[in-house]
Amino acid sequence: MKEYLLPFLAVIISFLLMIAIKGIRDRSFKLLLAFSGAFLLSLTVFELLPDVYRFDNHKVLGVCILGGILLQIILEFFSQGAEHGHMHFKISGNFPWIVFLSLSLHAIMEGIPIAGGEQILFGIVIHKIPIALILSAFFLKSDISVGKAALFMSAFALMTPLGTYLTAVLPAIEDYQMFLKAIVVGMFLHISTVILFESSEGHTFNFRKVIAIILGSILAYFI
């Protein structure tokens, strides 16, 4: 049950926290991005890559990883970078369906590796918290109403548990789970590296960002 509940609560609690504190400062925003990027990259290297490469089809898995990178690039064409906290557009009062569908597909894919163990579950939960905080802060500052923002975040919170559920009940997904995990690895590699580069100014890192990156990496190692 916790593999369904924890990812959902991570998003909902983050959204409620943003309502309570009324936004996030730009400096804290960048530190959250740096931490999230380092954590996600380290989680991928420490947990997901070794798990994927336990199997012998290395070239096929490599193709899947590259496919995941390409898929994430395509998704970001529609979401405008919402997955890594940089939303380069303004939302009007209408429900942002294109952004929602893009983020939902990404979140469903995130749910596939969770069956691999508690380390991956807790890792993805920790990854979702800063991203949910950033998304919530963005929507609350936009022209969209709080009700629509709450609807967006609630539906988004259900997507990762949905991915985990589909993996458990659909034999087709279970049969190809390792290849799907490899696609997720590619998606995570792209997102994490983009976050780390975009969280820097002029491709330089200040002391606080270096500390955030180190903390994110250490947490991913010990989780």
C-alpha atoms as a PDB file:
ATOM      1  CA  MET A   1       0.000   0.000   0.000  1.00  0.00           C
ATOM      2  CA  LYS A   2       2.820   2.443   0.783  1.00  0.00           C
ATOM      3  CA  GLU A   3       4.081   2.278  -2.808  1.00  0.00           C
ATOM      4  CA  TYR A   4       0.767   3.884  -3.799  1.00  0.00           C
ATOM      5  CA  LEU A   5       0.242   6.161  -0.817  1.00  0.00           C
ATOM      6  CA  LEU A   6       3.665   7.756  -0.358  1.00  0.00           C
ATOM      7  CA  PRO A   7       4.082   9.212  -3.899  1.00  0.00           C
ATOM      8  CA  PHE A   8       0.540  10.586  -3.710  1.00  0.00           C
ATOM      9  CA  LEU A   9       1.067  12.193  -0.302  1.00  0.00           C
ATOM     10  CA  ALA A  10       4.411  13.670  -1.368  1.00  0.00           C
ATOM     11  CA  VAL A  11       2.658  15.783  -4.003  1.00  0.00           C
ATOM     12  CA  ILE A  12      -0.435  16.689  -1.960  1.00  0.00           C
ATOM     13  CA  ILE A  13       1.506  17.719   1.155  1.00  0.00           C
ATOM     14  CA  SER A  14       3.900  19.770  -0.967  1.00  0.00           C
ATOM     15  CA  PHE A  15       0.963  21.589  -2.550  1.00  0.00           C
ATOM     16  CA  LEU A  16      -0.659  22.309   0.825  1.00  0.00           C
ATOM     17  CA  LEU A  17       2.681  23.559   2.153  1.00  0.00           C
ATOM     18  CA  MET A  18       2.982  26.012  -0.735  1.00  0.00           C
ATOM     19  CA  ILE A  19      -0.513  27.323   0.012  1.00  0.00           C
ATOM     20  CA  ALA A  20       0.432  27.761   3.673  1.00  0.00           C
ATOM     21  CA  ILE A  21       3.731  29.580   3.118  1.00  0.00           C
ATOM     22  CA  LYS A  22       2.466  31.491   0.051  1.00  0.00           C
ATOM     23  CA  GLY A  23       5.239  30.714  -2.405  1.00  0.00           C
ATOM     24  CA  ILE A  24       8.966  30.207  -2.430  1.00  0.00           C
ATOM     25  CA  ARG A  25      11.888  32.614  -2.732  1.00  0.00           C
ATOM     26  CA  ASP A  26      13.998  32.525  -5.884  1.00  0.00           C
ATOM     27  CA  ARG A  27      17.157  31.567  -3.988  1.00  0.00           C
ATOM     28  CA  SER A  28      15.411  28.661  -2.258  1.00  0.00           C
ATOM     29  CA  PHE A  29      13.902  27.666  -5.609  1.00  0.00           C
ATOM     30  CA  LYS A  30      17.372  27.297  -7.159  1.00  0.00           C
ATOM     31  CA  LEU A  31      18.703  25.363  -4.187  1.00  0.00           C
ATOM     32  CA  LEU A  32      15.749  22.977  -4.396  1.00  0.00           C
ATOM     33  CA  LEU A  33      16.460  22.460  -8.076  1.00  0.00           C
ATOM     34  CA  ALA A  34      20.140  21.740  -7.429  1.00  0.00           C
ATOM     35  CA  PHE A  35      19.304  19.277  -4.641  1.00  0.00           C
ATOM     36  CA  SER A  36      16.644  17.553  -6.755  1.00  0.00           C
ATOM     37  CA  GLY A  37      18.925  17.240  -9.783  1.00  0.00           C
ATOM     38  CA  ALA A  38      21.811  15.795  -7.780  1.00  0.00           C
ATOM     39  CA  PHE A  39      19.522  13.424  -5.910  1.00  0.00           C
ATOM     40  CA  LEU A  40      17.835  12.139  -9.077  1.00  0.00           C
ATOM     41  CA  LEU A  41      21.136  11.666 -10.915  1.00  0.00           C
ATOM     42  CA  SER A  42      22.649   9.831  -7.942  1.00  0.00           C
ATOM     43  CA  LEU A  43      19.543   7.667  -7.498  1.00  0.00           C
ATOM     44  CA  THR A  44      19.786   6.691 -11.164  1.00  0.00           C
ATOM     45  CA  VAL A  45      23.479   5.819 -10.895  1.00  0.00           C
ATOM     46  CA  PHE A  46      23.309   4.028  -7.521  1.00  0.00           C
ATOM     47  CA  GLU A  47      20.020   2.135  -7.893  1.00  0.00           C
ATOM     48  CA  LEU A  48      18.415   2.092 -11.333  1.00  0.00           C
ATOM     49  CA  LEU A  49      21.416   1.571 -13.627  1.00  0.00           C
ATOM     50  CA  PRO A  50      22.825  -1.414 -11.688  1.00  0.00           C
ATOM     51  CA  ASP A  51      19.343  -2.941 -11.557  1.00  0.00           C
ATOM     52  CA  VAL A  52      18.834  -2.556 -15.316  1.00  0.00           C
ATOM     53  CA  TYR A  53      22.261  -3.884 -16.280  1.00  0.00           C
ATOM     54  CA  ARG A  54      21.810  -7.118 -14.327  1.00  0.00           C
ATOM     55  CA  PHE A  55      20.457  -8.440 -17.613  1.00  0.00           C
ATOM     56  CA  ASP A  56      22.529  -9.456 -20.628  1.00  0.00           C
ATOM     57  CA  ASN A  57      20.825  -7.464 -23.391  1.00  0.00           C
ATOM     58  CA  HIS A  58      23.164  -4.516 -22.871  1.00  0.00           C
ATOM     59  CA  LYS A  59      22.850  -3.035 -26.352  1.00  0.00           C
ATOM     60  CA  VAL A  60      19.068  -3.281 -26.308  1.00  0.00           C
ATOM     61  CA  LEU A  61      18.996  -1.702 -22.864  1.00  0.00           C
ATOM     62  CA  GLY A  62      21.311   1.030 -24.120  1.00  0.00           C
ATOM     63  CA  VAL A  63      18.903   1.733 -26.970  1.00  0.00           C
ATOM     64  CA  CYS A  64      16.058   1.938 -24.425  1.00  0.00           C
ATOM     65  CA  ILE A  65      18.048   4.416 -22.306  1.00  0.00           C
ATOM     66  CA  LEU A  66      18.697   6.594 -25.351  1.00  0.00           C
ATOM     67  CA  GLY A  67      15.023   6.241 -26.234  1.00  0.00           C
ATOM     68  CA  GLY A  68      14.128   7.484 -22.765  1.00  0.00           C
ATOM     69  CA  ILE A  69      16.290  10.561 -23.272  1.00  0.00           C
ATOM     70  CA  LEU A  70      14.558  11.243 -26.593  1.00  0.00           C
ATOM     71  CA  LEU A  71      11.111  10.636 -25.086  1.00  0.00           C
ATOM     72  CA  GLN A  72      11.822  13.115 -22.300  1.00  0.00           C
ATOM     73  CA  ILE A  73      12.980  15.732 -24.810  1.00  0.00           C
ATOM     74  CA  ILE A  74       9.703  15.266 -26.710  1.00  0.00           C
ATOM     75  CA  LEU A  75       7.650  15.522 -23.504  1.00  0.00           C
ATOM     76  CA  GLU A  76       9.427  18.739 -22.556  1.00  0.00           C
ATOM     77  CA  PHE A  77       8.462  20.216 -25.913  1.00  0.00           C
ATOM     78  CA  PHE A  78       4.877  20.143 -24.606  1.00  0.00           C
ATOM     79  CA  SER A  79       5.481  20.720 -20.897  1.00  0.00           C
ATOM     80  CA  GLN A  80       8.081  23.470 -21.475  1.00  0.00           C
ATOM     81  CA  GLY A  81      10.392  22.051 -18.814  1.00  0.00           C
ATOM     82  CA  ALA A  82       7.918  21.616 -15.959  1.00  0.00           C
ATOM     83  CA  GLU A  83       9.535  18.274 -15.028  1.00  0.00           C
ATOM     84  CA  HIS A  84      12.719  20.056 -14.009  1.00  0.00           C
ATOM     85  CA  GLY A  85      11.201  23.164 -12.490  1.00  0.00           C
ATOM     86  CA  HIS A  86      11.689  25.567 -15.387  1.00  0.00           C
ATOM     87  CA  MET A  87       8.359  26.446 -16.928  1.00  0.00           C
ATOM     88  CA  HIS A  88       9.119  28.879 -19.715  1.00  0.00           C
ATOM     89  CA  PHE A  89       5.568  30.052 -20.345  1.00  0.00           C
ATOM     90  CA  LYS A  90       2.624  31.699 -18.632  1.00  0.00           C
ATOM     91  CA  ILE A  91      -0.546  29.795 -17.789  1.00  0.00           C
ATOM     92  CA  SER A  92      -3.858  31.507 -18.440  1.00  0.00           C
ATOM     93  CA  GLY A  93      -7.038  30.836 -16.510  1.00  0.00           C
ATOM     94  CA  ASN A  94      -7.758  27.674 -18.525  1.00  0.00           C
ATOM     95  CA  PHE A  95      -6.716  24.230 -17.331  1.00  0.00           C
ATOM     96  CA  PRO A  96      -3.284  23.462 -18.870  1.00  0.00           C
ATOM     97  CA  TRP A  97      -4.180  20.163 -20.529  1.00  0.00           C
ATOM     98  CA  ILE A  98      -1.020  19.824 -22.628  1.00  0.00           C
ATOM     99  CA  VAL A  99       1.191  20.344 -19.581  1.00  0.00           C
ATOM    100  CA  PHE A 100      -0.932  17.930 -17.561  1.00  0.00           C
ATOM    101  CA  LEU A 101      -0.797  15.148 -20.166  1.00  0.00           C
ATOM    102  CA  SER A 102       2.962  15.513 -20.604  1.00  0.00           C
ATOM    103  CA  LEU A 103       3.649  15.499 -16.861  1.00  0.00           C
ATOM    104  CA  SER A 104       1.217  12.617 -16.367  1.00  0.00           C
ATOM    105  CA  LEU A 105       3.024  10.388 -18.853  1.00  0.00           C
ATOM    106  CA  HIS A 106       6.315  11.214 -17.144  1.00  0.00           C
ATOM    107  CA  ALA A 107       4.817  10.453 -13.702  1.00  0.00           C
ATOM    108  CA  ILE A 108       3.306   7.152 -14.887  1.00  0.00           C
ATOM    109  CA  MET A 109       6.731   6.085 -16.143  1.00  0.00           C
ATOM    110  CA  GLU A 110       8.172   7.034 -12.734  1.00  0.00           C
ATOM    111  CA  GLY A 111       5.857   4.514 -11.119  1.00  0.00           C
ATOM    112  CA  ILE A 112       7.267   1.546 -13.056  1.00  0.00           C
ATOM    113  CA  PRO A 113      10.589   1.151 -11.157  1.00  0.00           C
ATOM    114  CA  ILE A 114       8.932   1.443  -7.722  1.00  0.00           C
ATOM    115  CA  ALA A 115       8.261  -2.309  -7.681  1.00  0.00           C
ATOM    116  CA  GLY A 116      12.053  -2.740  -7.554  1.00  0.00           C
ATOM    117  CA  GLY A 117      12.231  -2.106  -3.813  1.00  0.00           C
ATOM    118  CA  GLU A 118      11.914   0.385  -0.972  1.00  0.00           C
ATOM    119  CA  GLN A 119      15.103   2.244  -1.905  1.00  0.00           C
ATOM    120  CA  ILE A 120      13.665   3.198  -5.278  1.00  0.00           C
ATOM    121  CA  LEU A 121      10.268   3.980  -3.721  1.00  0.00           C
ATOM    122  CA  PHE A 122      11.742   6.363  -1.149  1.00  0.00           C
ATOM    123  CA  GLY A 123      14.088   7.792  -3.763  1.00  0.00           C
ATOM    124  CA  ILE A 124      11.262   8.695  -6.128  1.00  0.00           C
ATOM    125  CA  VAL A 125       9.204  10.097  -3.240  1.00  0.00           C
ATOM    126  CA  ILE A 126      12.089  12.377  -2.225  1.00  0.00           C
ATOM    127  CA  HIS A 127      12.564  13.380  -5.872  1.00  0.00           C
ATOM    128  CA  LYS A 128       8.872  14.280  -6.190  1.00  0.00           C
ATOM    129  CA  ILE A 129       8.809  16.595  -3.153  1.00  0.00           C
ATOM    130  CA  PRO A 130      10.964  19.471  -4.534  1.00  0.00           C
ATOM    131  CA  ILE A 131       9.403  19.126  -7.994  1.00  0.00           C
ATOM    132  CA  ALA A 132       5.898  19.238  -6.472  1.00  0.00           C
ATOM    133  CA  LEU A 133       6.871  22.274  -4.380  1.00  0.00           C
ATOM    134  CA  ILE A 134       8.174  24.067  -7.445  1.00  0.00           C
ATOM    135  CA  LEU A 135       5.140  23.143  -9.578  1.00  0.00           C
ATOM    136  CA  SER A 136       2.767  24.218  -6.810  1.00  0.00           C
ATOM    137  CA  ALA A 137       4.518  27.546  -6.352  1.00  0.00           C
ATOM    138  CA  PHE A 138       4.381  28.170 -10.100  1.00  0.00           C
ATOM    139  CA  PHE A 139       0.662  27.423 -10.402  1.00  0.00           C
ATOM    140  CA  LEU A 140      -0.229  29.464  -7.344  1.00  0.00           C
ATOM    141  CA  LYS A 141       1.582  32.469  -8.856  1.00  0.00           C
ATOM    142  CA  SER A 142      -0.113  32.058 -12.245  1.00  0.00           C
ATOM    143  CA  ASP A 143      -3.517  33.234 -13.437  1.00  0.00           C
ATOM    144  CA  ILE A 144      -5.054  29.838 -12.779  1.00  0.00           C
ATOM    145  CA  SER A 145      -7.430  29.610  -9.797  1.00  0.00           C
ATOM    146  CA  VAL A 146      -6.484  27.789  -6.599  1.00  0.00           C
ATOM    147  CA  GLY A 147      -9.265  25.275  -7.283  1.00  0.00           C
ATOM    148  CA  LYS A 148      -7.895  24.427 -10.717  1.00  0.00           C
ATOM    149  CA  ALA A 149      -4.370  24.265  -9.327  1.00  0.00           C
ATOM    150  CA  ALA A 150      -5.585  21.857  -6.642  1.00  0.00           C
ATOM    151  CA  LEU A 151      -7.329  19.738  -9.313  1.00  0.00           C
ATOM    152  CA  PHE A 152      -4.153  19.695 -11.400  1.00  0.00           C
ATOM    153  CA  MET A 153      -1.905  18.690  -8.493  1.00  0.00           C
ATOM    154  CA  SER A 154      -4.363  16.066  -7.187  1.00  0.00           C
ATOM    155  CA  ALA A 155      -4.648  14.413 -10.590  1.00  0.00           C
ATOM    156  CA  PHE A 156      -0.878  14.664 -11.053  1.00  0.00           C
ATOM    157  CA  ALA A 157      -0.378  13.023  -7.625  1.00  0.00           C
ATOM    158  CA  LEU A 158      -2.345   9.972  -8.810  1.00  0.00           C
ATOM    159  CA  MET A 159      -0.196   9.326 -11.877  1.00  0.00           C
ATOM    160  CA  THR A 160       2.856   7.710 -10.246  1.00  0.00           C
ATOM    161  CA  PRO A 161       0.673   5.301  -8.185  1.00  0.00           C
ATOM    162  CA  LEU A 162      -1.180   4.557 -11.430  1.00  0.00           C
ATOM    163  CA  GLY A 163       2.093   3.580 -13.105  1.00  0.00           C
ATOM    164  CA  THR A 164       2.918   1.265 -10.189  1.00  0.00           C
ATOM    165  CA  TYR A 165      -0.565  -0.267 -10.303  1.00  0.00           C
ATOM    166  CA  LEU A 166      -0.451  -0.889 -14.055  1.00  0.00           C
ATOM    167  CA  THR A 167       2.935  -2.569 -13.662  1.00  0.00           C
ATOM    168  CA  ALA A 168       1.438  -4.923 -11.066  1.00  0.00           C
ATOM    169  CA  VAL A 169      -1.739  -5.885 -12.953  1.00  0.00           C
ATOM    170  CA  LEU A 170      -0.788  -5.845 -16.649  1.00  0.00           C
ATOM    171  CA  PRO A 171       1.278  -8.853 -17.757  1.00  0.00           C
ATOM    172  CA  ALA A 172       2.526  -6.995 -20.844  1.00  0.00           C
ATOM    173  CA  ILE A 173       4.151  -4.316 -18.678  1.00  0.00           C
ATOM    174  CA  GLU A 174       5.596  -6.919 -16.313  1.00  0.00           C
ATOM    175  CA  ASP A 175       7.110  -8.880 -19.232  1.00  0.00           C
ATOM    176  CA  TYR A 176       8.889  -5.777 -20.552  1.00  0.00           C
ATOM    177  CA  GLN A 177       9.495  -4.132 -17.194  1.00  0.00           C
ATOM    178  CA  MET A 178      13.302  -4.105 -17.472  1.00  0.00           C
ATOM    179  CA  PHE A 179      13.189  -2.356 -20.838  1.00  0.00           C
ATOM    180  CA  LEU A 180      10.677   0.157 -19.486  1.00  0.00           C
ATOM    181  CA  LYS A 181      12.983   0.751 -16.513  1.00  0.00           C
ATOM    182  CA  ALA A 182      15.795   1.458 -18.968  1.00  0.00           C
ATOM    183  CA  ILE A 183      13.592   4.070 -20.641  1.00  0.00           C
ATOM    184  CA  VAL A 184      12.975   5.628 -17.209  1.00  0.00           C
ATOM    185  CA  VAL A 185      16.755   5.685 -16.636  1.00  0.00           C
ATOM    186  CA  GLY A 186      17.161   7.712 -19.826  1.00  0.00           C
ATOM    187  CA  MET A 187      14.398  10.095 -18.776  1.00  0.00           C
ATOM    188  CA  PHE A 188      15.972  10.579 -15.349  1.00  0.00           C
ATOM    189  CA  LEU A 189      19.450  11.102 -16.795  1.00  0.00           C
ATOM    190  CA  HIS A 190      18.147  13.850 -19.069  1.00  0.00           C
ATOM    191  CA  ILE A 191      16.085  15.583 -16.391  1.00  0.00           C
ATOM    192  CA  SER A 192      18.787  15.488 -13.715  1.00  0.00           C
ATOM    193  CA  THR A 193      21.550  16.841 -15.940  1.00  0.00           C
ATOM    194  CA  VAL A 194      19.291  19.614 -17.261  1.00  0.00           C
ATOM    195  CA  ILE A 195      18.384  20.554 -13.685  1.00  0.00           C
ATOM    196  CA  LEU A 196      22.034  20.740 -12.658  1.00  0.00           C
ATOM    197  CA  PHE A 197      22.972  22.930 -15.619  1.00  0.00           C
ATOM    198  CA  GLU A 198      19.907  25.172 -15.391  1.00  0.00           C
ATOM    199  CA  SER A 199      20.305  25.667 -11.650  1.00  0.00           C
ATOM    200  CA  SER A 200      23.664  27.318 -12.312  1.00  0.00           C
ATOM    201  CA  GLU A 201      24.184  30.850 -13.571  1.00  0.00           C
ATOM    202  CA  GLY A 202      26.659  31.090 -16.409  1.00  0.00           C
ATOM    203  CA  HIS A 203      27.511  27.404 -15.795  1.00  0.00           C
ATOM    204  CA  THR A 204      29.089  28.287 -12.452  1.00  0.00           C
ATOM    205  CA  PHE A 205      28.147  26.982  -9.019  1.00  0.00           C
ATOM    206  CA  ASN A 206      28.088  28.982  -5.830  1.00  0.00           C
ATOM    207  CA  PHE A 207      28.856  27.493  -2.426  1.00  0.00           C
ATOM    208  CA  ARG A 208      25.235  26.912  -1.376  1.00  0.00           C
ATOM    209  CA  LYS A 209      24.428  25.072  -4.602  1.00  0.00           C
ATOM    210  CA  VAL A 210      27.510  22.895  -4.212  1.00  0.00           C
ATOM    211  CA  ILE A 211      26.350  21.989  -0.687  1.00  0.00           C
ATOM    212  CA  ALA A 212      22.832  21.235  -1.989  1.00  0.00           C
ATOM    213  CA  ILE A 213      24.294  19.000  -4.715  1.00  0.00           C
ATOM    214  CA  ILE A 214      26.521  17.167  -2.232  1.00  0.00           C
ATOM    215  CA  LEU A 215      23.621  16.639   0.183  1.00  0.00           C
ATOM    216  CA  GLY A 216      21.409  15.323  -2.612  1.00  0.00           C
ATOM    217  CA  SER A 217      24.102  12.859  -3.693  1.00  0.00           C
ATOM    218  CA  ILE A 218      24.827  11.680  -0.134  1.00  0.00           C
ATOM    219  CA  LEU A 219      21.133  11.163   0.624  1.00  0.00           C
ATOM    220  CA  ALA A 220      20.678   9.106  -2.554  1.00  0.00           C
ATOM    221  CA  TYR A 221      23.686   6.959  -1.589  1.00  0.00           C
ATOM    222  CA  PHE A 222      22.444   6.135   1.902  1.00  0.00           C
ATOM    223  CA  ILE A 223      18.748   5.780   1.173  1.00  0.00           C
END
